[in-house]
Amino acid sequence: MIRDLTEEEMAFINEQPINRTDSEVKAYRLLPKSLKMDVERNQPIAFTEGGLCRPDFLWRYKRICLEIDGGCHKFKVRHDNIKNWVFRKNGFIVIRIVNMDVRVNVCFWQRLLDGLKVYKYERPELEPILNELQEMIDNEIQSWTQCEDYALHLMDGGLRNDTMAGSSGLKNRQSLDVPMERPAFFH
């Protein structure tokens, strides 16, 4: 059960600085709109059993806890396992994403989606979030494909050239009558 913070706990929390990592800042920007609305960032939560925790991201009423783990977490495995146990014991979904996965939008979204999908049958209210994440992933991948298609179109002068795809490669790019400057999105 969630409980109110004691005065001593409040005093302790107020003394502790909030140092958000670059990965936590980026993870917040990448969150779907439906999750940004009621997220608590680095806010303390107290439990009757398990004490005081301060997760990176907390959705108190959705019962979701998201932690972004940097390199130092390999030295804090016991602490992280206890934190996971406390949250799970109190009915929270706990998702841990390594900070390297935050660097690529689709990796972050996929890890978040995978972490939530495990509970989709127990928690049907997650369905809109799952759909939003899947749509974000699909749109991002589609934009990659469109970029690649456009780049190939520019390199080929509008036509596929077998020498570009061949194993020998293209020896003389000027022979294609393709402009040598790159399109603006490559700058």
N, C-alpha and C. Protein backbone atom coordinates (compact mmCIF):
# COMPACT_ATOMS: atom_id res chain seq x y z
N MET A 1 0.82 -1.18 0.00
CA MET A 1 0.00 0.00 0.00
C MET A 1 0.87 1.26 0.00
N ILE A 2 0.39 2.24 -0.73
CA ILE A 2 1.07 3.54 -0.74
C ILE A 2 0.66 4.30 0.51
N ARG A 3 1.63 4.96 1.11
CA ARG A 3 1.35 5.76 2.30
C ARG A 3 1.90 7.16 2.11
N ASP A 4 1.50 8.07 2.97
CA ASP A 4 2.02 9.43 2.96
C ASP A 4 3.46 9.44 3.48
N LEU A 5 4.23 10.39 3.02
CA LEU A 5 5.60 10.54 3.50
C LEU A 5 5.59 11.13 4.91
N THR A 6 6.51 10.66 5.73
CA THR A 6 6.66 11.25 7.06
C THR A 6 7.41 12.58 6.93
N GLU A 7 7.40 13.35 8.00
CA GLU A 7 8.14 14.62 7.99
C GLU A 7 9.63 14.39 7.79
N GLU A 8 10.15 13.34 8.44
CA GLU A 8 11.58 13.02 8.30
C GLU A 8 11.91 12.65 6.85
N GLU A 9 11.03 11.86 6.24
CA GLU A 9 11.25 11.48 4.84
C GLU A 9 11.19 12.69 3.93
N MET A 10 10.23 13.58 4.17
CA MET A 10 10.13 14.81 3.37
C MET A 10 11.39 15.66 3.51
N ALA A 11 11.90 15.79 4.73
CA ALA A 11 13.12 16.57 4.96
C ALA A 11 14.29 15.94 4.22
N PHE A 12 14.38 14.61 4.29
CA PHE A 12 15.47 13.91 3.60
C PHE A 12 15.36 14.11 2.09
N ILE A 13 14.18 13.94 1.53
CA ILE A 13 13.96 14.10 0.09
C ILE A 13 14.30 15.52 -0.35
N ASN A 14 13.89 16.50 0.42
CA ASN A 14 14.14 17.89 0.05
C ASN A 14 15.62 18.24 0.06
N GLU A 15 16.42 17.50 0.81
CA GLU A 15 17.87 17.72 0.85
C GLU A 15 18.57 17.10 -0.36
N GLN A 16 17.92 16.13 -0.99
CA GLN A 16 18.54 15.40 -2.11
C GLN A 16 18.29 16.13 -3.43
N PRO A 17 19.37 16.43 -4.15
CA PRO A 17 19.17 17.09 -5.46
C PRO A 17 18.61 16.10 -6.48
N ILE A 18 17.87 16.63 -7.44
CA ILE A 18 17.38 15.79 -8.53
C ILE A 18 18.36 15.97 -9.69
N ASN A 19 19.08 14.93 -9.97
CA ASN A 19 20.06 14.96 -11.06
C ASN A 19 19.58 14.05 -12.18
N ARG A 20 18.87 14.63 -13.12
CA ARG A 20 18.38 13.84 -14.25
C ARG A 20 19.50 13.66 -15.25
N THR A 21 19.65 12.43 -15.71
CA THR A 21 20.66 12.15 -16.73
C THR A 21 20.15 12.60 -18.10
N ASP A 22 21.06 12.72 -19.05
CA ASP A 22 20.67 13.05 -20.42
C ASP A 22 19.68 12.02 -20.96
N SER A 23 19.89 10.75 -20.60
CA SER A 23 19.00 9.69 -21.06
C SER A 23 17.60 9.84 -20.47
N GLU A 24 17.50 10.25 -19.22
CA GLU A 24 16.19 10.46 -18.61
C GLU A 24 15.47 11.63 -19.26
N VAL A 25 16.21 12.69 -19.59
CA VAL A 25 15.61 13.85 -20.25
C VAL A 25 15.09 13.45 -21.63
N LYS A 26 15.91 12.69 -22.37
CA LYS A 26 15.49 12.26 -23.71
C LYS A 26 14.31 11.28 -23.61
N ALA A 27 14.36 10.38 -22.63
CA ALA A 27 13.27 9.42 -22.46
C ALA A 27 11.95 10.15 -22.23
N TYR A 28 11.99 11.22 -21.45
CA TYR A 28 10.76 11.98 -21.22
C TYR A 28 10.24 12.56 -22.54
N ARG A 29 11.14 13.12 -23.36
CA ARG A 29 10.72 13.69 -24.63
C ARG A 29 10.13 12.63 -25.55
N LEU A 30 10.59 11.39 -25.42
CA LEU A 30 10.13 10.30 -26.29
C LEU A 30 8.83 9.64 -25.81
N LEU A 31 8.41 9.94 -24.61
CA LEU A 31 7.19 9.30 -24.10
C LEU A 31 5.99 9.65 -24.98
N PRO A 32 5.10 8.68 -25.18
CA PRO A 32 3.87 8.98 -25.91
C PRO A 32 3.04 10.01 -25.12
N LYS A 33 2.23 10.75 -25.83
CA LYS A 33 1.41 11.80 -25.19
C LYS A 33 0.57 11.24 -24.05
N SER A 34 0.03 10.04 -24.25
CA SER A 34 -0.84 9.46 -23.23
C SER A 34 -0.10 9.18 -21.93
N LEU A 35 1.20 9.02 -22.00
CA LEU A 35 1.98 8.78 -20.78
C LEU A 35 2.56 10.07 -20.21
N LYS A 36 2.74 11.08 -21.04
CA LYS A 36 3.29 12.35 -20.54
C LYS A 36 2.31 13.07 -19.63
N MET A 37 1.03 12.84 -19.83
CA MET A 37 0.00 13.60 -19.11
C MET A 37 0.12 13.49 -17.60
N ASP A 38 0.31 12.29 -17.08
CA ASP A 38 0.28 12.13 -15.62
C ASP A 38 1.54 11.49 -15.05
N VAL A 39 2.66 11.70 -15.72
CA VAL A 39 3.91 11.13 -15.23
C VAL A 39 4.46 11.98 -14.08
N GLU A 40 5.02 11.30 -13.10
CA GLU A 40 5.76 11.94 -12.02
C GLU A 40 7.23 11.60 -12.25
N ARG A 41 8.06 12.62 -12.35
CA ARG A 41 9.49 12.40 -12.62
C ARG A 41 10.30 12.59 -11.34
N ASN A 42 11.01 11.55 -10.96
CA ASN A 42 11.89 11.56 -9.79
C ASN A 42 11.17 11.99 -8.52
N GLN A 43 9.90 11.64 -8.42
CA GLN A 43 9.13 11.98 -7.23
C GLN A 43 9.13 10.80 -6.26
N PRO A 44 9.24 11.08 -4.97
CA PRO A 44 9.27 10.00 -3.99
C PRO A 44 7.90 9.35 -3.82
N ILE A 45 7.94 8.08 -3.50
CA ILE A 45 6.72 7.35 -3.17
C ILE A 45 7.06 6.45 -1.99
N ALA A 46 6.17 6.39 -1.03
CA ALA A 46 6.40 5.60 0.18
C ALA A 46 5.38 4.47 0.25
N PHE A 47 5.86 3.31 0.70
CA PHE A 47 5.01 2.13 0.83
C PHE A 47 5.00 1.70 2.30
N THR A 48 3.89 1.10 2.72
CA THR A 48 3.83 0.60 4.10
C THR A 48 4.84 -0.51 4.30
N GLU A 49 5.03 -1.33 3.26
CA GLU A 49 6.09 -2.35 3.30
C GLU A 49 7.07 -2.02 2.21
N GLY A 50 8.30 -1.77 2.55
CA GLY A 50 9.31 -1.53 1.54
C GLY A 50 9.93 -0.15 1.60
N GLY A 51 9.33 0.75 2.34
CA GLY A 51 9.97 2.04 2.55
C GLY A 51 9.76 3.04 1.44
N LEU A 52 10.79 3.83 1.21
CA LEU A 52 10.74 4.99 0.34
C LEU A 52 11.50 4.71 -0.95
N CYS A 53 10.91 5.06 -2.10
CA CYS A 53 11.56 4.89 -3.40
C CYS A 53 11.41 6.18 -4.19
N ARG A 54 12.34 6.39 -5.11
CA ARG A 54 12.29 7.57 -5.97
C ARG A 54 12.60 7.12 -7.40
N PRO A 55 11.57 6.66 -8.12
CA PRO A 55 11.81 6.17 -9.48
C PRO A 55 12.01 7.31 -10.48
N ASP A 56 12.63 6.97 -11.62
CA ASP A 56 12.83 7.96 -12.68
C ASP A 56 11.49 8.47 -13.20
N PHE A 57 10.58 7.54 -13.48
CA PHE A 57 9.24 7.87 -14.00
C PHE A 57 8.22 7.01 -13.25
N LEU A 58 7.15 7.65 -12.83
CA LEU A 58 6.13 6.94 -12.08
C LEU A 58 4.75 7.38 -12.55
N TRP A 59 3.91 6.40 -12.80
CA TRP A 59 2.50 6.64 -13.09
C TRP A 59 1.75 6.00 -11.93
N ARG A 60 1.50 6.78 -10.92
CA ARG A 60 0.93 6.30 -9.66
C ARG A 60 -0.40 5.60 -9.88
N TYR A 61 -1.28 6.19 -10.68
CA TYR A 61 -2.63 5.63 -10.82
C TYR A 61 -2.71 4.54 -11.88
N LYS A 62 -1.76 4.53 -12.79
CA LYS A 62 -1.69 3.43 -13.76
C LYS A 62 -0.86 2.28 -13.20
N ARG A 63 -0.17 2.56 -12.11
CA ARG A 63 0.69 1.57 -11.44
C ARG A 63 1.82 1.10 -12.36
N ILE A 64 2.56 2.08 -12.90
CA ILE A 64 3.70 1.78 -13.77
C ILE A 64 4.91 2.54 -13.25
N CYS A 65 6.04 1.86 -13.21
CA CYS A 65 7.31 2.46 -12.82
C CYS A 65 8.31 2.20 -13.95
N LEU A 66 8.96 3.27 -14.43
CA LEU A 66 9.95 3.15 -15.49
C LEU A 66 11.29 3.66 -14.97
N GLU A 67 12.30 2.83 -15.11
CA GLU A 67 13.66 3.20 -14.70
C GLU A 67 14.57 3.19 -15.92
N ILE A 68 15.38 4.23 -16.05
CA ILE A 68 16.39 4.29 -17.11
C ILE A 68 17.72 3.97 -16.44
N ASP A 69 18.32 2.86 -16.83
CA ASP A 69 19.53 2.38 -16.18
C ASP A 69 20.79 2.74 -16.96
N GLY A 70 21.65 3.51 -16.33
CA GLY A 70 22.94 3.85 -16.92
C GLY A 70 23.98 2.83 -16.54
N GLY A 71 25.22 3.10 -16.90
CA GLY A 71 26.32 2.18 -16.65
C GLY A 71 26.54 1.86 -15.19
N CYS A 72 26.25 2.80 -14.29
CA CYS A 72 26.48 2.57 -12.86
C CYS A 72 25.55 1.52 -12.28
N HIS A 73 24.46 1.19 -12.97
CA HIS A 73 23.50 0.23 -12.43
C HIS A 73 24.06 -1.18 -12.35
N LYS A 74 25.12 -1.46 -13.09
CA LYS A 74 25.71 -2.79 -12.96
C LYS A 74 26.35 -2.97 -11.59
N PHE A 75 26.60 -1.86 -10.89
CA PHE A 75 27.15 -1.93 -9.54
C PHE A 75 26.06 -1.84 -8.48
N LYS A 76 24.82 -1.62 -8.92
CA LYS A 76 23.69 -1.45 -7.99
C LYS A 76 22.62 -2.51 -8.22
N VAL A 77 23.02 -3.69 -8.64
CA VAL A 77 22.05 -4.74 -8.97
C VAL A 77 21.18 -5.10 -7.78
N ARG A 78 21.79 -5.26 -6.61
CA ARG A 78 21.01 -5.63 -5.42
C ARG A 78 19.99 -4.54 -5.09
N HIS A 79 20.42 -3.30 -5.12
CA HIS A 79 19.52 -2.17 -4.85
C HIS A 79 18.37 -2.15 -5.85
N ASP A 80 18.70 -2.33 -7.14
CA ASP A 80 17.66 -2.32 -8.18
C ASP A 80 16.69 -3.48 -8.01
N ASN A 81 17.21 -4.65 -7.65
CA ASN A 81 16.33 -5.81 -7.44
C ASN A 81 15.37 -5.59 -6.28
N ILE A 82 15.86 -4.97 -5.21
CA ILE A 82 14.99 -4.67 -4.06
C ILE A 82 13.92 -3.67 -4.48
N LYS A 83 14.33 -2.65 -5.23
CA LYS A 83 13.38 -1.63 -5.70
C LYS A 83 12.31 -2.28 -6.58
N ASN A 84 12.73 -3.16 -7.50
CA ASN A 84 11.78 -3.88 -8.36
C ASN A 84 10.79 -4.67 -7.50
N TRP A 85 11.32 -5.37 -6.50
CA TRP A 85 10.49 -6.21 -5.63
C TRP A 85 9.45 -5.36 -4.90
N VAL A 86 9.88 -4.22 -4.36
CA VAL A 86 8.96 -3.34 -3.62
C VAL A 86 7.83 -2.86 -4.53
N PHE A 87 8.19 -2.40 -5.71
CA PHE A 87 7.15 -1.92 -6.63
C PHE A 87 6.21 -3.04 -7.06
N ARG A 88 6.78 -4.18 -7.42
CA ARG A 88 5.93 -5.30 -7.86
C ARG A 88 5.02 -5.79 -6.74
N LYS A 89 5.56 -5.85 -5.53
CA LYS A 89 4.77 -6.28 -4.37
C LYS A 89 3.57 -5.35 -4.16
N ASN A 90 3.71 -4.10 -4.57
CA ASN A 90 2.65 -3.12 -4.41
C ASN A 90 1.83 -2.92 -5.69
N GLY A 91 1.93 -3.89 -6.62
CA GLY A 91 1.05 -3.92 -7.78
C GLY A 91 1.50 -3.09 -8.97
N PHE A 92 2.76 -2.67 -8.99
CA PHE A 92 3.27 -1.86 -10.09
C PHE A 92 3.93 -2.72 -11.16
N ILE A 93 3.80 -2.28 -12.39
CA ILE A 93 4.59 -2.83 -13.50
C ILE A 93 5.93 -2.11 -13.44
N VAL A 94 7.02 -2.84 -13.47
CA VAL A 94 8.34 -2.23 -13.45
C VAL A 94 9.03 -2.51 -14.78
N ILE A 95 9.44 -1.44 -15.44
CA ILE A 95 10.15 -1.57 -16.71
C ILE A 95 11.50 -0.90 -16.55
N ARG A 96 12.54 -1.62 -16.90
CA ARG A 96 13.90 -1.07 -16.87
C ARG A 96 14.43 -1.04 -18.30
N ILE A 97 14.91 0.13 -18.69
CA ILE A 97 15.46 0.31 -20.03
C ILE A 97 16.87 0.86 -19.88
N VAL A 98 17.84 0.22 -20.53
CA VAL A 98 19.21 0.72 -20.44
C VAL A 98 19.34 2.01 -21.25
N ASN A 99 20.18 2.90 -20.77
CA ASN A 99 20.27 4.22 -21.40
C ASN A 99 20.71 4.16 -22.86
N MET A 100 21.42 3.13 -23.26
CA MET A 100 21.82 3.00 -24.67
C MET A 100 20.59 2.87 -25.57
N ASP A 101 19.53 2.24 -25.07
CA ASP A 101 18.30 2.06 -25.86
C ASP A 101 17.50 3.35 -25.98
N VAL A 102 17.79 4.32 -25.14
CA VAL A 102 17.08 5.60 -25.21
C VAL A 102 17.63 6.43 -26.38
N ARG A 103 18.84 6.13 -26.79
CA ARG A 103 19.48 6.92 -27.85
C ARG A 103 18.81 6.73 -29.21
N VAL A 104 18.17 5.60 -29.41
CA VAL A 104 17.46 5.33 -30.67
C VAL A 104 15.97 5.26 -30.34
N ASN A 105 15.21 6.20 -30.88
CA ASN A 105 13.78 6.32 -30.56
C ASN A 105 13.07 4.97 -30.60
N VAL A 106 13.23 4.24 -31.69
CA VAL A 106 12.49 2.99 -31.87
C VAL A 106 12.89 1.97 -30.81
N CYS A 107 14.16 1.93 -30.43
CA CYS A 107 14.59 0.98 -29.38
C CYS A 107 13.88 1.30 -28.07
N PHE A 108 13.84 2.58 -27.71
CA PHE A 108 13.17 2.98 -26.48
C PHE A 108 11.70 2.60 -26.52
N TRP A 109 11.02 2.97 -27.61
CA TRP A 109 9.59 2.68 -27.73
C TRP A 109 9.33 1.18 -27.70
N GLN A 110 10.20 0.40 -28.36
CA GLN A 110 10.00 -1.05 -28.41
C GLN A 110 10.20 -1.66 -27.02
N ARG A 111 11.21 -1.21 -26.27
CA ARG A 111 11.43 -1.73 -24.92
C ARG A 111 10.23 -1.40 -24.01
N LEU A 112 9.73 -0.18 -24.15
CA LEU A 112 8.57 0.23 -23.36
C LEU A 112 7.34 -0.60 -23.75
N LEU A 113 7.16 -0.78 -25.04
CA LEU A 113 6.04 -1.59 -25.55
C LEU A 113 6.15 -3.03 -25.04
N ASP A 114 7.33 -3.61 -25.15
CA ASP A 114 7.54 -5.00 -24.70
C ASP A 114 7.26 -5.13 -23.20
N GLY A 115 7.72 -4.15 -22.42
CA GLY A 115 7.51 -4.20 -20.97
C GLY A 115 6.05 -4.11 -20.59
N LEU A 116 5.27 -3.34 -21.34
CA LEU A 116 3.85 -3.20 -21.04
C LEU A 116 3.01 -4.34 -21.61
N LYS A 117 3.42 -4.88 -22.76
CA LYS A 117 2.65 -5.95 -23.42
C LYS A 117 2.47 -7.17 -22.53
N VAL A 118 3.44 -7.43 -21.68
CA VAL A 118 3.38 -8.59 -20.79
C VAL A 118 2.11 -8.54 -19.94
N TYR A 119 1.62 -7.35 -19.67
CA TYR A 119 0.49 -7.17 -18.77
C TYR A 119 -0.82 -6.82 -19.49
N LYS A 120 -0.85 -6.90 -20.81
CA LYS A 120 -2.01 -6.41 -21.55
C LYS A 120 -3.30 -7.17 -21.24
N TYR A 121 -3.21 -8.44 -20.85
CA TYR A 121 -4.41 -9.20 -20.53
C TYR A 121 -4.88 -8.93 -19.10
N GLU A 122 -3.94 -8.72 -18.20
CA GLU A 122 -4.29 -8.39 -16.81
C GLU A 122 -4.77 -6.95 -16.68
N ARG A 123 -4.26 -6.09 -17.55
CA ARG A 123 -4.53 -4.66 -17.44
C ARG A 123 -5.02 -4.12 -18.78
N PRO A 124 -6.29 -4.37 -19.13
CA PRO A 124 -6.81 -3.94 -20.44
C PRO A 124 -6.74 -2.43 -20.65
N GLU A 125 -6.66 -1.64 -19.58
CA GLU A 125 -6.57 -0.18 -19.73
C GLU A 125 -5.26 0.26 -20.40
N LEU A 126 -4.32 -0.67 -20.55
CA LEU A 126 -3.05 -0.36 -21.22
C LEU A 126 -3.18 -0.35 -22.74
N GLU A 127 -4.26 -0.91 -23.27
CA GLU A 127 -4.42 -1.07 -24.72
C GLU A 127 -4.20 0.23 -25.50
N PRO A 128 -4.78 1.37 -25.11
CA PRO A 128 -4.53 2.60 -25.87
C PRO A 128 -3.05 3.01 -25.89
N ILE A 129 -2.36 2.79 -24.78
CA ILE A 129 -0.92 3.11 -24.72
C ILE A 129 -0.15 2.19 -25.65
N LEU A 130 -0.49 0.90 -25.62
CA LEU A 130 0.18 -0.07 -26.50
C LEU A 130 -0.03 0.31 -27.96
N ASN A 131 -1.25 0.69 -28.31
CA ASN A 131 -1.55 1.08 -29.69
C ASN A 131 -0.78 2.33 -30.09
N GLU A 132 -0.70 3.30 -29.17
CA GLU A 132 0.02 4.54 -29.47
C GLU A 132 1.51 4.26 -29.68
N LEU A 133 2.10 3.43 -28.83
CA LEU A 133 3.51 3.08 -28.99
C LEU A 133 3.76 2.35 -30.31
N GLN A 134 2.89 1.40 -30.64
CA GLN A 134 3.06 0.66 -31.90
C GLN A 134 2.95 1.60 -33.09
N GLU A 135 2.04 2.54 -33.04
CA GLU A 135 1.90 3.51 -34.12
C GLU A 135 3.15 4.39 -34.25
N MET A 136 3.72 4.78 -33.11
CA MET A 136 4.95 5.59 -33.14
C MET A 136 6.09 4.81 -33.79
N ILE A 137 6.21 3.54 -33.43
CA ILE A 137 7.25 2.69 -34.02
C ILE A 137 7.04 2.55 -35.52
N ASP A 138 5.81 2.23 -35.91
CA ASP A 138 5.50 2.04 -37.33
C ASP A 138 5.78 3.31 -38.13
N ASN A 139 5.39 4.47 -37.61
CA ASN A 139 5.61 5.74 -38.31
C ASN A 139 7.09 6.04 -38.46
N GLU A 140 7.86 5.77 -37.42
CA GLU A 140 9.31 6.03 -37.49
C GLU A 140 9.97 5.14 -38.53
N ILE A 141 9.62 3.87 -38.53
CA ILE A 141 10.20 2.94 -39.51
C ILE A 141 9.77 3.32 -40.92
N GLN A 142 8.53 3.73 -41.08
CA GLN A 142 8.05 4.17 -42.39
C GLN A 142 8.84 5.39 -42.86
N SER A 143 9.16 6.31 -41.95
CA SER A 143 9.93 7.50 -42.35
C SER A 143 11.34 7.10 -42.79
N TRP A 144 11.92 6.07 -42.14
CA TRP A 144 13.24 5.59 -42.57
C TRP A 144 13.16 5.07 -44.00
N THR A 145 12.11 4.30 -44.29
CA THR A 145 11.95 3.71 -45.62
C THR A 145 11.78 4.80 -46.66
N GLN A 146 10.99 5.83 -46.35
CA GLN A 146 10.79 6.92 -47.29
C GLN A 146 12.09 7.67 -47.53
N CYS A 147 12.88 7.87 -46.50
CA CYS A 147 14.19 8.54 -46.64
C CYS A 147 15.11 7.72 -47.54
N GLU A 148 15.15 6.42 -47.28
CA GLU A 148 16.02 5.54 -48.07
C GLU A 148 15.57 5.52 -49.53
N ASP A 149 14.27 5.41 -49.75
CA ASP A 149 13.76 5.41 -51.13
C ASP A 149 14.11 6.71 -51.85
N TYR A 150 13.99 7.83 -51.17
CA TYR A 150 14.31 9.13 -51.77
C TYR A 150 15.80 9.23 -52.08
N ALA A 151 16.63 8.75 -51.16
CA ALA A 151 18.08 8.79 -51.38
C ALA A 151 18.46 7.93 -52.58
N LEU A 152 17.88 6.74 -52.67
CA LEU A 152 18.16 5.87 -53.81
C LEU A 152 17.69 6.52 -55.11
N HIS A 153 16.53 7.15 -55.08
CA HIS A 153 16.00 7.84 -56.24
C HIS A 153 16.98 8.93 -56.70
N LEU A 154 17.51 9.70 -55.77
CA LEU A 154 18.46 10.76 -56.12
C LEU A 154 19.76 10.20 -56.69
N MET A 155 20.24 9.13 -56.09
CA MET A 155 21.51 8.54 -56.56
C MET A 155 21.36 7.91 -57.93
N ASP A 156 20.18 7.41 -58.24
CA ASP A 156 19.98 6.73 -59.51
C ASP A 156 19.47 7.66 -60.60
N GLY A 157 19.27 8.89 -60.30
CA GLY A 157 18.70 9.80 -61.27
C GLY A 157 17.27 9.40 -61.61
N GLY A 158 16.60 8.75 -60.66
CA GLY A 158 15.21 8.36 -60.87
C GLY A 158 15.07 6.94 -61.38
N LEU A 159 16.16 6.28 -61.75
CA LEU A 159 16.10 4.90 -62.27
C LEU A 159 17.03 4.01 -61.45
N ARG A 160 16.64 2.78 -61.23
CA ARG A 160 17.54 1.84 -60.55
C ARG A 160 18.66 1.48 -61.51
N ASN A 161 19.87 1.52 -61.03
CA ASN A 161 21.03 1.20 -61.85
C ASN A 161 21.68 -0.04 -61.25
N ASP A 162 21.78 -1.09 -62.04
CA ASP A 162 22.31 -2.35 -61.52
C ASP A 162 23.73 -2.23 -61.00
N THR A 163 24.51 -1.31 -61.56
CA THR A 163 25.89 -1.21 -61.08
C THR A 163 25.93 -0.70 -59.64
N MET A 164 24.91 0.06 -59.19
CA MET A 164 24.88 0.54 -57.80
C MET A 164 24.68 -0.62 -56.85
N ALA A 165 23.83 -1.58 -57.22
CA ALA A 165 23.51 -2.68 -56.33
C ALA A 165 24.48 -3.84 -56.49
N GLY A 166 25.26 -3.85 -57.54
CA GLY A 166 26.16 -4.96 -57.80
C GLY A 166 27.30 -5.02 -56.81
N SER A 167 27.94 -6.18 -56.74
CA SER A 167 29.02 -6.37 -55.77
C SER A 167 30.26 -5.56 -56.15
N SER A 168 30.40 -5.24 -57.43
CA SER A 168 31.59 -4.50 -57.83
C SER A 168 31.49 -3.03 -57.45
N GLY A 169 30.29 -2.54 -57.18
CA GLY A 169 30.10 -1.14 -56.80
C GLY A 169 30.14 -0.25 -58.02
N LEU A 170 30.08 1.04 -57.80
CA LEU A 170 30.07 2.02 -58.87
C LEU A 170 31.42 2.72 -58.88
N LYS A 171 32.14 2.60 -60.02
CA LYS A 171 33.48 3.16 -60.08
C LYS A 171 33.45 4.65 -60.40
N ASN A 172 32.52 5.08 -61.23
CA ASN A 172 32.52 6.48 -61.64
C ASN A 172 31.12 7.05 -61.45
N ARG A 173 30.92 7.71 -60.35
CA ARG A 173 29.59 8.25 -60.01
C ARG A 173 29.14 9.31 -61.01
N GLN A 174 30.06 10.11 -61.57
CA GLN A 174 29.68 11.15 -62.51
C GLN A 174 29.03 10.58 -63.76
N SER A 175 29.28 9.34 -64.09
CA SER A 175 28.72 8.75 -65.31
C SER A 175 27.21 8.60 -65.24
N LEU A 176 26.61 8.76 -64.07
CA LEU A 176 25.16 8.62 -63.93
C LEU A 176 24.41 9.92 -64.19
N ASP A 177 25.11 11.02 -64.39
CA ASP A 177 24.48 12.33 -64.52
C ASP A 177 23.62 12.66 -63.31
N VAL A 178 24.12 12.31 -62.11
CA VAL A 178 23.43 12.58 -60.86
C VAL A 178 24.13 13.75 -60.18
N PRO A 179 23.37 14.73 -59.70
CA PRO A 179 24.03 15.84 -59.00
C PRO A 179 24.82 15.33 -57.81
N MET A 180 25.99 15.89 -57.57
CA MET A 180 26.86 15.43 -56.50
C MET A 180 26.48 16.02 -55.14
N GLU A 181 25.69 17.11 -55.10
CA GLU A 181 25.35 17.64 -53.80
C GLU A 181 24.29 16.75 -53.13
N ARG A 182 24.36 16.72 -51.81
CA ARG A 182 23.44 15.89 -51.05
C ARG A 182 22.15 16.64 -50.78
N PRO A 183 21.02 15.92 -50.67
CA PRO A 183 19.77 16.59 -50.31
C PRO A 183 19.87 17.19 -48.91
N ALA A 184 19.02 18.16 -48.62
CA ALA A 184 19.09 18.92 -47.38
C ALA A 184 19.00 18.04 -46.14
N PHE A 185 18.21 16.94 -46.16
CA PHE A 185 18.04 16.16 -44.95
C PHE A 185 19.29 15.36 -44.59
N PHE A 186 20.31 15.31 -45.44
CA PHE A 186 21.54 14.62 -45.11
C PHE A 186 22.56 15.54 -44.48
N HIS A 187 22.34 16.83 -44.50
CA HIS A 187 23.32 17.79 -43.95
C HIS A 187 23.33 17.77 -42.47
